Structures are given as C-alpha cells and as structure tokens.
Amino acid sequence: MNYISSIKDITLATQIDESLSWVIRCTTRNRQTTELVLFKLQNWIAVPVTSEIFLNPSLTNHVATVLQQNHYTQLYGVRLLAIELDSYLVPTTVEGLNEFRRYLGALPTVLFAGDERPAWIWLSIESDVSVVAGTEEFVRQLLPWEIEDGISRFRHSINQPLLPELRQYLRFVSEQLSNYQAANEGEEFCLSPPSF
C-alpha cells in the first residue's frame, strides 16, 4: 500500500474502536452469523450510497475536496467484524480514498475523523453498499448530489439486473435507512444481511 498505513499503536487502535462504539455495534456469533448495527444519534441522518461514488473520478474528487475543505487531512479507516483491531490512517486525497476502497472496500469498513464521539461516518457494508451518516449539513456537503437524489439513485440501483439475494439485501438496507431518519436517538438499525 502506498497511501494508507496500518495503525500499529494498540492504544490508538483501542481509542478508535471505543469511539466507534458510539455509532456502531459489531457482533460475530459464529463464522456464518455476524451483525452490524447502526445507532441513531441526535440530529443524524443516514443516506445509502452505491459504489459509483468511488468509481467515478469526479465524484471521488468531490468527496476528497469537501473533506479537505473541512480541515480533514487524514481519516481513520477501520475494518469491522475483524478478529483483532484492524485500523488504518487514510489520507483525504483521491489516491488515499481509492486505495482504502481498493484494498478494503469489499469488507465491512468505516471511515471517520476519529473524534471521541464521531461527528460523521462513511460505512461500507460491502463493495456495492455504503452509508454516509452524520449531521444533515455535513452529509449534504459530502455527497455530490442532494440527499433525496442520493436515496433515489440507491433505490434505482435496486432495479438493475442483480442477483436476487443482493436485490433483497439492498431493499432491506433501504427500508432500514428510511426508518433511521425519523427515529429517536439511541434506536438501533441492523444493516447485516438477514436470512432470506
């Protein structure tokens, strides 16, 4: 890897993990059963995002520019559902974001600024599904389109030729996030694929 680097400091990796516990719970019951839960935080919204945002260079450039304009020079990237703490420093450049997606994008991961209590997160559930969650103001800045358009794009992607299991899963995520917007603080939303 040329741009991202693994965090070797166990104290820092533990702090990052504790910080994420405000927003996400990851549970592995056995090798076949995992659970990824997103918590509703006060004034937060959550918008599903398809993989096109990192496949289109102008869209990736928009994300990198917004992060840099908000004074983020690096983010913490965390591989969720890992047996051990697995965290990375990710530069907020197009190259850094692309490298993180290329090496870890097919796995459940999260990018965030590392605040003690996160102000926002970019959660990749799998290669085709991501969720941007945070305050509406920041999510509006970060996405290269209006929130409503992003939700519409995601719903449109469900109607594309897909494996039936993936289509059902995308519908499940869309429904969960529709409920997230109006939920009370502390409510939980499972984003793991249910058994269909």
N, C-alpha and C. Protein backbone atom coordinates (compact mmCIF):
# COMPACT_ATOMS: atom_id res chain seq x y z
N MET A 1 0.85 -1.18 0.00
CA MET A 1 0.00 0.00 0.00
C MET A 1 0.89 1.24 0.00
N ASN A 2 0.53 2.19 -0.84
CA ASN A 2 1.35 3.39 -1.00
C ASN A 2 0.85 4.58 -0.20
N TYR A 3 -0.44 4.65 0.08
CA TYR A 3 -1.01 5.85 0.70
C TYR A 3 -1.54 5.60 2.11
N ILE A 4 -2.23 4.48 2.30
CA ILE A 4 -2.77 4.20 3.62
C ILE A 4 -1.76 3.40 4.43
N SER A 5 -1.82 3.53 5.74
CA SER A 5 -0.88 2.79 6.59
C SER A 5 -1.62 2.19 7.77
N SER A 6 -1.19 1.01 8.14
CA SER A 6 -1.79 0.30 9.26
C SER A 6 -1.39 0.97 10.57
N ILE A 7 -2.34 1.04 11.50
CA ILE A 7 -2.07 1.61 12.83
C ILE A 7 -1.56 0.48 13.72
N LYS A 8 -0.33 0.61 14.14
CA LYS A 8 0.31 -0.42 14.97
C LYS A 8 0.16 -0.13 16.46
N ASP A 9 -0.10 1.13 16.82
CA ASP A 9 -0.22 1.54 18.22
C ASP A 9 -1.54 1.00 18.79
N ILE A 10 -1.45 0.01 19.67
CA ILE A 10 -2.65 -0.65 20.21
C ILE A 10 -3.50 0.31 21.02
N THR A 11 -2.87 1.29 21.70
CA THR A 11 -3.63 2.28 22.48
C THR A 11 -4.49 3.13 21.55
N LEU A 12 -3.90 3.60 20.45
CA LEU A 12 -4.66 4.39 19.49
C LEU A 12 -5.76 3.55 18.84
N ALA A 13 -5.45 2.33 18.46
CA ALA A 13 -6.45 1.46 17.84
C ALA A 13 -7.61 1.20 18.79
N THR A 14 -7.32 1.06 20.08
CA THR A 14 -8.38 0.86 21.08
C THR A 14 -9.23 2.11 21.23
N GLN A 15 -8.61 3.29 21.22
CA GLN A 15 -9.36 4.55 21.30
C GLN A 15 -10.29 4.70 20.10
N ILE A 16 -9.79 4.36 18.93
CA ILE A 16 -10.61 4.44 17.71
C ILE A 16 -11.80 3.50 17.83
N ASP A 17 -11.56 2.29 18.29
CA ASP A 17 -12.62 1.30 18.46
C ASP A 17 -13.67 1.78 19.47
N GLU A 18 -13.22 2.36 20.58
CA GLU A 18 -14.15 2.88 21.59
C GLU A 18 -14.97 4.03 21.02
N SER A 19 -14.34 4.87 20.22
CA SER A 19 -15.04 5.98 19.60
C SER A 19 -16.17 5.48 18.70
N LEU A 20 -15.87 4.46 17.92
CA LEU A 20 -16.88 3.91 17.02
C LEU A 20 -18.04 3.26 17.76
N SER A 21 -17.80 2.85 19.01
CA SER A 21 -18.87 2.19 19.76
C SER A 21 -20.04 3.13 20.03
N TRP A 22 -19.86 4.44 19.87
CA TRP A 22 -20.97 5.39 19.98
C TRP A 22 -21.95 5.23 18.82
N VAL A 23 -21.46 4.71 17.70
CA VAL A 23 -22.23 4.71 16.46
C VAL A 23 -22.57 3.32 15.96
N ILE A 24 -21.65 2.38 16.16
CA ILE A 24 -21.79 1.06 15.54
C ILE A 24 -21.52 -0.04 16.55
N ARG A 25 -22.30 -1.12 16.43
CA ARG A 25 -22.01 -2.33 17.20
C ARG A 25 -21.81 -3.45 16.19
N CYS A 26 -20.73 -4.17 16.36
CA CYS A 26 -20.42 -5.32 15.50
C CYS A 26 -20.34 -6.55 16.37
N THR A 27 -21.05 -7.57 15.97
CA THR A 27 -21.06 -8.81 16.72
C THR A 27 -20.83 -9.97 15.78
N THR A 28 -19.96 -10.87 16.16
CA THR A 28 -19.75 -12.10 15.41
C THR A 28 -20.14 -13.24 16.33
N ARG A 29 -21.23 -13.89 16.00
CA ARG A 29 -21.70 -15.01 16.84
C ARG A 29 -20.98 -16.29 16.49
N ASN A 30 -20.81 -16.51 15.21
CA ASN A 30 -20.01 -17.62 14.71
C ASN A 30 -19.54 -17.23 13.32
N ARG A 31 -18.87 -18.08 12.62
CA ARG A 31 -18.31 -17.68 11.33
C ARG A 31 -19.38 -17.34 10.30
N GLN A 32 -20.57 -17.85 10.46
CA GLN A 32 -21.62 -17.57 9.49
C GLN A 32 -22.58 -16.47 9.92
N THR A 33 -22.59 -16.11 11.19
CA THR A 33 -23.56 -15.14 11.69
C THR A 33 -22.85 -13.91 12.25
N THR A 34 -23.00 -12.81 11.55
CA THR A 34 -22.46 -11.54 12.04
C THR A 34 -23.59 -10.52 12.06
N GLU A 35 -23.41 -9.51 12.88
CA GLU A 35 -24.43 -8.48 12.98
C GLU A 35 -23.75 -7.12 13.03
N LEU A 36 -24.22 -6.22 12.18
CA LEU A 36 -23.71 -4.86 12.13
C LEU A 36 -24.90 -3.93 12.41
N VAL A 37 -24.82 -3.18 13.51
CA VAL A 37 -25.93 -2.34 13.95
C VAL A 37 -25.47 -0.88 13.95
N LEU A 38 -26.27 -0.01 13.34
CA LEU A 38 -26.03 1.43 13.32
C LEU A 38 -26.96 2.07 14.33
N PHE A 39 -26.41 2.89 15.23
CA PHE A 39 -27.23 3.59 16.22
C PHE A 39 -27.67 4.94 15.67
N LYS A 40 -28.87 5.33 16.03
CA LYS A 40 -29.36 6.66 15.67
C LYS A 40 -28.80 7.65 16.68
N LEU A 41 -28.10 8.66 16.19
CA LEU A 41 -27.59 9.72 17.05
C LEU A 41 -28.40 10.99 16.82
N GLN A 42 -28.37 11.87 17.80
CA GLN A 42 -29.16 13.09 17.73
C GLN A 42 -28.78 13.92 16.50
N ASN A 43 -29.78 14.33 15.76
CA ASN A 43 -29.65 15.16 14.57
C ASN A 43 -28.91 14.48 13.42
N TRP A 44 -28.77 13.17 13.47
CA TRP A 44 -28.09 12.45 12.39
C TRP A 44 -29.10 11.95 11.37
N ILE A 45 -28.64 11.89 10.13
CA ILE A 45 -29.37 11.22 9.06
C ILE A 45 -28.42 10.17 8.48
N ALA A 46 -28.94 9.24 7.73
CA ALA A 46 -28.13 8.21 7.10
C ALA A 46 -28.62 8.02 5.67
N VAL A 47 -27.68 8.09 4.73
CA VAL A 47 -28.03 8.01 3.31
C VAL A 47 -27.26 6.86 2.67
N PRO A 48 -27.96 5.97 1.98
CA PRO A 48 -27.27 4.88 1.29
C PRO A 48 -26.57 5.41 0.03
N VAL A 49 -25.43 4.81 -0.27
CA VAL A 49 -24.63 5.25 -1.42
C VAL A 49 -24.18 4.02 -2.18
N THR A 50 -24.28 4.08 -3.50
CA THR A 50 -23.79 2.97 -4.32
C THR A 50 -22.30 3.16 -4.60
N SER A 51 -21.68 2.13 -5.13
CA SER A 51 -20.23 2.14 -5.36
C SER A 51 -19.79 3.15 -6.42
N GLU A 52 -20.73 3.72 -7.18
CA GLU A 52 -20.35 4.66 -8.25
C GLU A 52 -19.57 5.85 -7.71
N ILE A 53 -19.77 6.20 -6.46
CA ILE A 53 -19.11 7.39 -5.92
C ILE A 53 -17.60 7.24 -5.91
N PHE A 54 -17.10 5.99 -5.80
CA PHE A 54 -15.65 5.78 -5.84
C PHE A 54 -15.19 5.21 -7.18
N LEU A 55 -16.10 5.01 -8.09
CA LEU A 55 -15.72 4.53 -9.42
C LEU A 55 -15.65 5.67 -10.42
N ASN A 56 -16.30 6.78 -10.09
CA ASN A 56 -16.30 7.95 -10.95
C ASN A 56 -15.30 8.97 -10.39
N PRO A 57 -14.21 9.26 -11.12
CA PRO A 57 -13.17 10.14 -10.58
C PRO A 57 -13.67 11.52 -10.13
N SER A 58 -14.63 12.10 -10.85
CA SER A 58 -15.11 13.43 -10.44
C SER A 58 -15.88 13.37 -9.13
N LEU A 59 -16.60 12.26 -8.89
CA LEU A 59 -17.33 12.12 -7.63
C LEU A 59 -16.37 11.90 -6.47
N THR A 60 -15.34 11.07 -6.69
CA THR A 60 -14.33 10.86 -5.65
C THR A 60 -13.60 12.15 -5.35
N ASN A 61 -13.31 12.92 -6.37
CA ASN A 61 -12.65 14.22 -6.20
C ASN A 61 -13.51 15.15 -5.36
N HIS A 62 -14.82 15.12 -5.58
CA HIS A 62 -15.72 15.95 -4.78
C HIS A 62 -15.63 15.59 -3.29
N VAL A 63 -15.67 14.30 -3.00
CA VAL A 63 -15.59 13.84 -1.61
C VAL A 63 -14.27 14.29 -0.98
N ALA A 64 -13.16 14.07 -1.69
CA ALA A 64 -11.84 14.45 -1.16
C ALA A 64 -11.77 15.96 -0.93
N THR A 65 -12.30 16.75 -1.85
CA THR A 65 -12.27 18.22 -1.73
C THR A 65 -13.06 18.67 -0.51
N VAL A 66 -14.25 18.12 -0.31
CA VAL A 66 -15.08 18.51 0.84
C VAL A 66 -14.37 18.15 2.14
N LEU A 67 -13.79 16.97 2.21
CA LEU A 67 -13.07 16.57 3.43
C LEU A 67 -11.93 17.54 3.72
N GLN A 68 -11.16 17.89 2.69
CA GLN A 68 -10.05 18.81 2.88
C GLN A 68 -10.53 20.21 3.24
N GLN A 69 -11.63 20.66 2.65
CA GLN A 69 -12.18 21.98 2.99
C GLN A 69 -12.66 22.02 4.44
N ASN A 70 -13.01 20.87 4.98
CA ASN A 70 -13.42 20.78 6.38
C ASN A 70 -12.24 20.46 7.30
N HIS A 71 -11.02 20.64 6.76
CA HIS A 71 -9.76 20.52 7.52
C HIS A 71 -9.43 19.10 7.95
N TYR A 72 -9.94 18.12 7.22
CA TYR A 72 -9.55 16.74 7.47
C TYR A 72 -8.39 16.41 6.54
N THR A 73 -7.23 16.14 7.09
CA THR A 73 -6.09 15.75 6.27
C THR A 73 -5.95 14.23 6.22
N GLN A 74 -6.44 13.57 7.25
CA GLN A 74 -6.45 12.11 7.26
C GLN A 74 -7.66 11.62 8.05
N LEU A 75 -8.06 10.41 7.74
CA LEU A 75 -9.17 9.77 8.43
C LEU A 75 -8.66 8.47 9.02
N TYR A 76 -9.47 7.91 9.90
CA TYR A 76 -9.20 6.58 10.39
C TYR A 76 -10.11 5.62 9.63
N GLY A 77 -9.53 4.58 9.13
CA GLY A 77 -10.28 3.53 8.47
C GLY A 77 -10.23 2.29 9.35
N VAL A 78 -11.38 1.69 9.58
CA VAL A 78 -11.45 0.54 10.48
C VAL A 78 -12.15 -0.61 9.77
N ARG A 79 -11.52 -1.77 9.81
CA ARG A 79 -12.16 -2.97 9.29
C ARG A 79 -13.03 -3.53 10.40
N LEU A 80 -14.33 -3.58 10.15
CA LEU A 80 -15.28 -4.08 11.14
C LEU A 80 -15.34 -5.60 11.08
N LEU A 81 -15.86 -6.19 12.11
CA LEU A 81 -16.04 -7.64 12.19
C LEU A 81 -14.72 -8.39 12.07
N ALA A 82 -13.61 -7.71 12.36
CA ALA A 82 -12.30 -8.38 12.36
C ALA A 82 -12.08 -9.04 13.71
N ILE A 83 -11.29 -10.07 13.73
CA ILE A 83 -11.00 -10.77 14.98
C ILE A 83 -10.19 -9.87 15.92
N GLU A 84 -9.23 -9.13 15.35
CA GLU A 84 -8.41 -8.20 16.12
C GLU A 84 -8.68 -6.79 15.64
N LEU A 85 -8.25 -5.79 16.42
CA LEU A 85 -8.37 -4.41 15.99
C LEU A 85 -7.59 -4.24 14.69
N ASP A 86 -8.22 -3.66 13.69
CA ASP A 86 -7.60 -3.52 12.38
C ASP A 86 -7.92 -2.12 11.86
N SER A 87 -7.00 -1.16 12.11
CA SER A 87 -7.24 0.25 11.81
C SER A 87 -6.14 0.80 10.92
N TYR A 88 -6.49 1.85 10.16
CA TYR A 88 -5.58 2.44 9.19
C TYR A 88 -5.67 3.96 9.23
N LEU A 89 -4.56 4.61 8.86
CA LEU A 89 -4.57 6.04 8.59
C LEU A 89 -4.80 6.20 7.09
N VAL A 90 -5.79 7.01 6.74
CA VAL A 90 -6.18 7.17 5.33
C VAL A 90 -6.11 8.65 4.98
N PRO A 91 -5.20 9.05 4.07
CA PRO A 91 -5.15 10.45 3.65
C PRO A 91 -6.45 10.83 2.93
N THR A 92 -6.86 12.07 3.07
CA THR A 92 -8.10 12.51 2.43
C THR A 92 -7.84 12.99 1.00
N THR A 93 -7.00 12.27 0.32
CA THR A 93 -6.74 12.53 -1.09
C THR A 93 -7.51 11.52 -1.92
N VAL A 94 -7.67 11.81 -3.19
CA VAL A 94 -8.32 10.85 -4.08
C VAL A 94 -7.56 9.52 -4.04
N GLU A 95 -6.24 9.61 -4.05
CA GLU A 95 -5.43 8.40 -4.05
C GLU A 95 -5.61 7.60 -2.75
N GLY A 96 -5.64 8.30 -1.62
CA GLY A 96 -5.83 7.62 -0.34
C GLY A 96 -7.19 6.96 -0.23
N LEU A 97 -8.23 7.67 -0.62
CA LEU A 97 -9.58 7.11 -0.56
C LEU A 97 -9.72 5.92 -1.50
N ASN A 98 -9.16 6.05 -2.71
CA ASN A 98 -9.25 4.95 -3.67
C ASN A 98 -8.48 3.72 -3.20
N GLU A 99 -7.31 3.95 -2.60
CA GLU A 99 -6.53 2.81 -2.12
C GLU A 99 -7.26 2.09 -0.98
N PHE A 100 -7.86 2.85 -0.09
CA PHE A 100 -8.62 2.24 1.00
C PHE A 100 -9.76 1.41 0.43
N ARG A 101 -10.49 1.96 -0.53
CA ARG A 101 -11.60 1.23 -1.16
C ARG A 101 -11.09 0.00 -1.90
N ARG A 102 -9.98 0.14 -2.60
CA ARG A 102 -9.45 -0.98 -3.40
C ARG A 102 -9.03 -2.15 -2.51
N TYR A 103 -8.36 -1.86 -1.39
CA TYR A 103 -7.86 -2.93 -0.53
C TYR A 103 -8.90 -3.44 0.46
N LEU A 104 -9.80 -2.57 0.91
CA LEU A 104 -10.71 -2.97 1.99
C LEU A 104 -12.18 -2.75 1.67
N GLY A 105 -12.49 -2.23 0.51
CA GLY A 105 -13.86 -1.84 0.17
C GLY A 105 -14.86 -2.96 0.07
N ALA A 106 -14.41 -4.18 -0.15
CA ALA A 106 -15.36 -5.29 -0.24
C ALA A 106 -15.73 -5.83 1.13
N LEU A 107 -15.04 -5.34 2.17
CA LEU A 107 -15.29 -5.78 3.54
C LEU A 107 -16.07 -4.71 4.30
N PRO A 108 -16.77 -5.07 5.36
CA PRO A 108 -17.38 -4.03 6.19
C PRO A 108 -16.30 -3.15 6.83
N THR A 109 -16.30 -1.89 6.46
CA THR A 109 -15.32 -0.93 6.97
C THR A 109 -16.00 0.39 7.28
N VAL A 110 -15.31 1.23 8.02
CA VAL A 110 -15.82 2.57 8.28
C VAL A 110 -14.67 3.56 8.20
N LEU A 111 -14.96 4.72 7.64
CA LEU A 111 -14.05 5.87 7.63
C LEU A 111 -14.66 6.93 8.52
N PHE A 112 -13.84 7.54 9.37
CA PHE A 112 -14.33 8.66 10.17
C PHE A 112 -13.14 9.47 10.65
N ALA A 113 -13.43 10.62 11.26
CA ALA A 113 -12.36 11.55 11.62
C ALA A 113 -11.65 11.20 12.92
N GLY A 114 -12.19 10.28 13.68
CA GLY A 114 -11.53 9.86 14.91
C GLY A 114 -11.90 10.68 16.13
N ASP A 115 -12.95 11.49 16.00
CA ASP A 115 -13.40 12.25 17.16
C ASP A 115 -13.78 11.30 18.29
N GLU A 116 -13.72 11.80 19.54
CA GLU A 116 -14.08 10.95 20.68
C GLU A 116 -15.49 10.41 20.52
N ARG A 117 -16.40 11.28 20.08
CA ARG A 117 -17.75 10.86 19.70
C ARG A 117 -17.91 11.28 18.24
N PRO A 118 -17.97 10.35 17.32
CA PRO A 118 -17.93 10.70 15.89
C PRO A 118 -18.97 11.73 15.48
N ALA A 119 -18.54 12.65 14.61
CA ALA A 119 -19.43 13.65 14.05
C ALA A 119 -20.08 13.14 12.77
N TRP A 120 -19.47 12.14 12.15
CA TRP A 120 -19.99 11.53 10.92
C TRP A 120 -19.20 10.26 10.66
N ILE A 121 -19.76 9.38 9.83
CA ILE A 121 -19.05 8.17 9.40
C ILE A 121 -19.40 7.87 7.95
N TRP A 122 -18.48 7.18 7.30
CA TRP A 122 -18.74 6.60 5.97
C TRP A 122 -18.59 5.10 6.17
N LEU A 123 -19.70 4.40 6.17
CA LEU A 123 -19.74 2.97 6.46
C LEU A 123 -19.90 2.19 5.16
N SER A 124 -18.94 1.34 4.85
CA SER A 124 -19.06 0.43 3.71
C SER A 124 -19.49 -0.92 4.26
N ILE A 125 -20.67 -1.33 3.86
CA ILE A 125 -21.18 -2.60 4.34
C ILE A 125 -20.60 -3.73 3.50
N GLU A 126 -20.48 -3.47 2.19
CA GLU A 126 -19.84 -4.39 1.26
C GLU A 126 -19.49 -3.58 0.03
N SER A 127 -18.95 -4.22 -1.00
CA SER A 127 -18.45 -3.48 -2.15
C SER A 127 -19.52 -2.64 -2.85
N ASP A 128 -20.77 -3.05 -2.81
CA ASP A 128 -21.83 -2.33 -3.52
C ASP A 128 -22.67 -1.42 -2.64
N VAL A 129 -22.46 -1.44 -1.34
CA VAL A 129 -23.34 -0.70 -0.43
C VAL A 129 -22.54 0.07 0.60
N SER A 130 -22.77 1.39 0.63
CA SER A 130 -22.19 2.24 1.67
C SER A 130 -23.28 3.10 2.26
N VAL A 131 -23.01 3.63 3.45
CA VAL A 131 -23.94 4.51 4.13
C VAL A 131 -23.13 5.69 4.66
N VAL A 132 -23.60 6.90 4.36
CA VAL A 132 -23.00 8.10 4.94
C VAL A 132 -23.96 8.56 6.02
N ALA A 133 -23.45 8.68 7.24
CA ALA A 133 -24.30 9.09 8.37
C ALA A 133 -23.61 10.23 9.11
N GLY A 134 -24.42 11.17 9.55
CA GLY A 134 -23.91 12.31 10.30
C GLY A 134 -24.96 13.40 10.32
N THR A 135 -24.54 14.61 10.67
CA THR A 135 -25.49 15.71 10.66
C THR A 135 -25.91 15.98 9.21
N GLU A 136 -27.13 16.44 9.05
CA GLU A 136 -27.64 16.69 7.70
C GLU A 136 -26.75 17.68 6.95
N GLU A 137 -26.29 18.72 7.64
CA GLU A 137 -25.45 19.73 6.99
C GLU A 137 -24.18 19.11 6.40
N PHE A 138 -23.51 18.25 7.20
CA PHE A 138 -22.27 17.67 6.70
C PHE A 138 -22.53 16.64 5.60
N VAL A 139 -23.57 15.83 5.76
CA VAL A 139 -23.90 14.83 4.74
C VAL A 139 -24.22 15.53 3.42
N ARG A 140 -24.95 16.65 3.48
CA ARG A 140 -25.25 17.42 2.26
C ARG A 140 -23.98 17.90 1.58
N GLN A 141 -23.01 18.34 2.36
CA GLN A 141 -21.74 18.78 1.78
C GLN A 141 -20.99 17.61 1.15
N LEU A 142 -20.93 16.50 1.86
CA LEU A 142 -20.09 15.38 1.45
C LEU A 142 -20.59 14.68 0.20
N LEU A 143 -21.89 14.54 0.08
CA LEU A 143 -22.44 13.87 -1.10
C LEU A 143 -22.41 14.81 -2.30
N PRO A 144 -22.07 14.29 -3.47
CA PRO A 144 -22.00 15.13 -4.67
C PRO A 144 -23.37 15.38 -5.32
N TRP A 145 -24.44 15.07 -4.61
CA TRP A 145 -25.80 15.32 -5.07
C TRP A 145 -26.67 15.56 -3.86
N GLU A 146 -27.88 15.99 -4.08
CA GLU A 146 -28.81 16.22 -2.98
C GLU A 146 -29.14 14.90 -2.29
N ILE A 147 -29.45 14.97 -1.01
CA ILE A 147 -29.75 13.77 -0.23
C ILE A 147 -30.87 12.97 -0.88
N GLU A 148 -31.93 13.66 -1.27
CA GLU A 148 -33.07 12.97 -1.87
C GLU A 148 -32.66 12.27 -3.16
N ASP A 149 -31.78 12.91 -3.93
CA ASP A 149 -31.29 12.32 -5.17
C ASP A 149 -30.43 11.09 -4.86
N GLY A 150 -29.64 11.15 -3.81
CA GLY A 150 -28.83 10.00 -3.41
C GLY A 150 -29.69 8.81 -3.04
N ILE A 151 -30.76 9.08 -2.28
CA ILE A 151 -31.67 8.00 -1.90
C ILE A 151 -32.35 7.43 -3.14
N SER A 152 -32.74 8.31 -4.06
CA SER A 152 -33.38 7.88 -5.30
C SER A 152 -32.41 7.05 -6.16
N ARG A 153 -31.15 7.47 -6.24
CA ARG A 153 -30.14 6.72 -7.00
C ARG A 153 -29.98 5.31 -6.42
N PHE A 154 -29.96 5.23 -5.10
CA PHE A 154 -29.80 3.93 -4.45
C PHE A 154 -31.01 3.05 -4.76
N ARG A 155 -32.19 3.60 -4.64
CA ARG A 155 -33.40 2.80 -4.94
C ARG A 155 -33.43 2.38 -6.41
N HIS A 156 -32.95 3.26 -7.29
CA HIS A 156 -32.89 2.92 -8.71
C HIS A 156 -31.92 1.76 -8.94
N SER A 157 -30.82 1.74 -8.20
CA SER A 157 -29.83 0.66 -8.36
C SER A 157 -30.42 -0.70 -8.01
N ILE A 158 -31.43 -0.70 -7.15
CA ILE A 158 -32.08 -1.96 -6.76
C ILE A 158 -32.80 -2.58 -7.96
N ASN A 159 -33.24 -1.74 -8.90
CA ASN A 159 -33.99 -2.22 -10.05
C ASN A 159 -33.10 -2.67 -11.20
N GLN A 160 -31.78 -2.56 -11.04
CA GLN A 160 -30.85 -3.00 -12.07
C GLN A 160 -30.75 -4.53 -12.03
N PRO A 161 -30.21 -5.14 -13.09
CA PRO A 161 -30.03 -6.60 -13.06
C PRO A 161 -29.08 -6.99 -11.92
N LEU A 162 -29.61 -7.70 -10.95
CA LEU A 162 -28.84 -8.11 -9.78
C LEU A 162 -29.20 -9.54 -9.41
N LEU A 163 -28.31 -10.16 -8.67
CA LEU A 163 -28.67 -11.45 -8.08
C LEU A 163 -29.85 -11.23 -7.14
N PRO A 164 -30.80 -12.13 -7.08
CA PRO A 164 -31.98 -11.94 -6.22
C PRO A 164 -31.63 -11.67 -4.76
N GLU A 165 -30.60 -12.35 -4.24
CA GLU A 165 -30.21 -12.15 -2.84
C GLU A 165 -29.70 -10.73 -2.61
N LEU A 166 -28.91 -10.21 -3.57
CA LEU A 166 -28.40 -8.85 -3.45
C LEU A 166 -29.54 -7.85 -3.54
N ARG A 167 -30.47 -8.07 -4.45
CA ARG A 167 -31.62 -7.16 -4.58
C ARG A 167 -32.41 -7.11 -3.27
N GLN A 168 -32.67 -8.27 -2.66
CA GLN A 168 -33.39 -8.30 -1.40
C GLN A 168 -32.61 -7.58 -0.30
N TYR A 169 -31.31 -7.77 -0.30
CA TYR A 169 -30.48 -7.11 0.71
C TYR A 169 -30.51 -5.59 0.54
N LEU A 170 -30.39 -5.12 -0.68
CA LEU A 170 -30.43 -3.67 -0.93
C LEU A 170 -31.78 -3.08 -0.51
N ARG A 171 -32.85 -3.81 -0.77
CA ARG A 171 -34.18 -3.35 -0.32
C ARG A 171 -34.23 -3.27 1.21
N PHE A 172 -33.67 -4.27 1.86
CA PHE A 172 -33.63 -4.30 3.32
C PHE A 172 -32.88 -3.08 3.86
N VAL A 173 -31.70 -2.77 3.30
CA VAL A 173 -30.92 -1.61 3.74
C VAL A 173 -31.70 -0.33 3.50
N SER A 174 -32.33 -0.20 2.33
CA SER A 174 -33.12 0.98 2.01
C SER A 174 -34.24 1.19 3.02
N GLU A 175 -34.94 0.12 3.38
CA GLU A 175 -36.02 0.21 4.37
C GLU A 175 -35.49 0.61 5.75
N GLN A 176 -34.39 0.00 6.15
CA GLN A 176 -33.81 0.32 7.46
C GLN A 176 -33.44 1.80 7.53
N LEU A 177 -32.82 2.31 6.47
CA LEU A 177 -32.38 3.71 6.49
C LEU A 177 -33.54 4.68 6.35
N SER A 178 -34.62 4.26 5.69
CA SER A 178 -35.83 5.11 5.63
C SER A 178 -36.37 5.32 7.04
N ASN A 179 -36.32 4.28 7.86
CA ASN A 179 -36.79 4.37 9.24
C ASN A 179 -35.81 5.15 10.12
N TYR A 180 -34.54 5.14 9.76
CA TYR A 180 -33.50 5.81 10.56
C TYR A 180 -33.76 7.31 10.67
N GLN A 181 -34.17 7.92 9.57
CA GLN A 181 -34.28 9.39 9.51
C GLN A 181 -35.18 9.94 10.62
N ALA A 182 -36.31 9.30 10.87
CA ALA A 182 -37.27 9.82 11.85
C ALA A 182 -37.18 9.13 13.20
N ALA A 183 -36.18 8.31 13.40
CA ALA A 183 -36.07 7.53 14.64
C ALA A 183 -35.64 8.40 15.81
N ASN A 184 -35.85 7.89 17.00
CA ASN A 184 -35.40 8.55 18.22
C ASN A 184 -33.95 8.21 18.48
N GLU A 185 -33.26 9.10 19.15
CA GLU A 185 -31.86 8.86 19.48
C GLU A 185 -31.73 7.56 20.27
N GLY A 186 -30.73 6.76 19.89
CA GLY A 186 -30.48 5.50 20.59
C GLY A 186 -31.11 4.29 19.93
N GLU A 187 -32.06 4.50 19.00
CA GLU A 187 -32.66 3.35 18.31
C GLU A 187 -31.59 2.66 17.48
N GLU A 188 -31.77 1.37 17.26
CA GLU A 188 -30.78 0.55 16.57
C GLU A 188 -31.33 0.07 15.23
N PHE A 189 -30.42 0.02 14.24
CA PHE A 189 -30.79 -0.41 12.90
C PHE A 189 -29.79 -1.44 12.40
N CYS A 190 -30.26 -2.65 12.27
CA CYS A 190 -29.40 -3.75 11.81
C CYS A 190 -29.19 -3.60 10.30
N LEU A 191 -27.93 -3.60 9.88
CA LEU A 191 -27.61 -3.48 8.46
C LEU A 191 -26.97 -4.74 7.91
N SER A 192 -26.92 -5.78 8.72
CA SER A 192 -26.38 -7.05 8.25
C SER A 192 -27.43 -7.74 7.39
N PRO A 193 -26.97 -8.51 6.41
CA PRO A 193 -27.95 -9.22 5.58
C PRO A 193 -28.75 -10.21 6.41
N PRO A 194 -30.07 -10.09 6.38
CA PRO A 194 -30.88 -11.10 7.07
C PRO A 194 -30.91 -12.38 6.25
N SER A 195 -31.37 -13.43 6.84
CA SER A 195 -31.51 -14.69 6.10
C SER A 195 -32.76 -14.61 5.27
N PHE A 196 -32.59 -14.73 3.97
CA PHE A 196 -33.76 -14.68 3.09
C PHE A 196 -34.14 -16.08 2.65
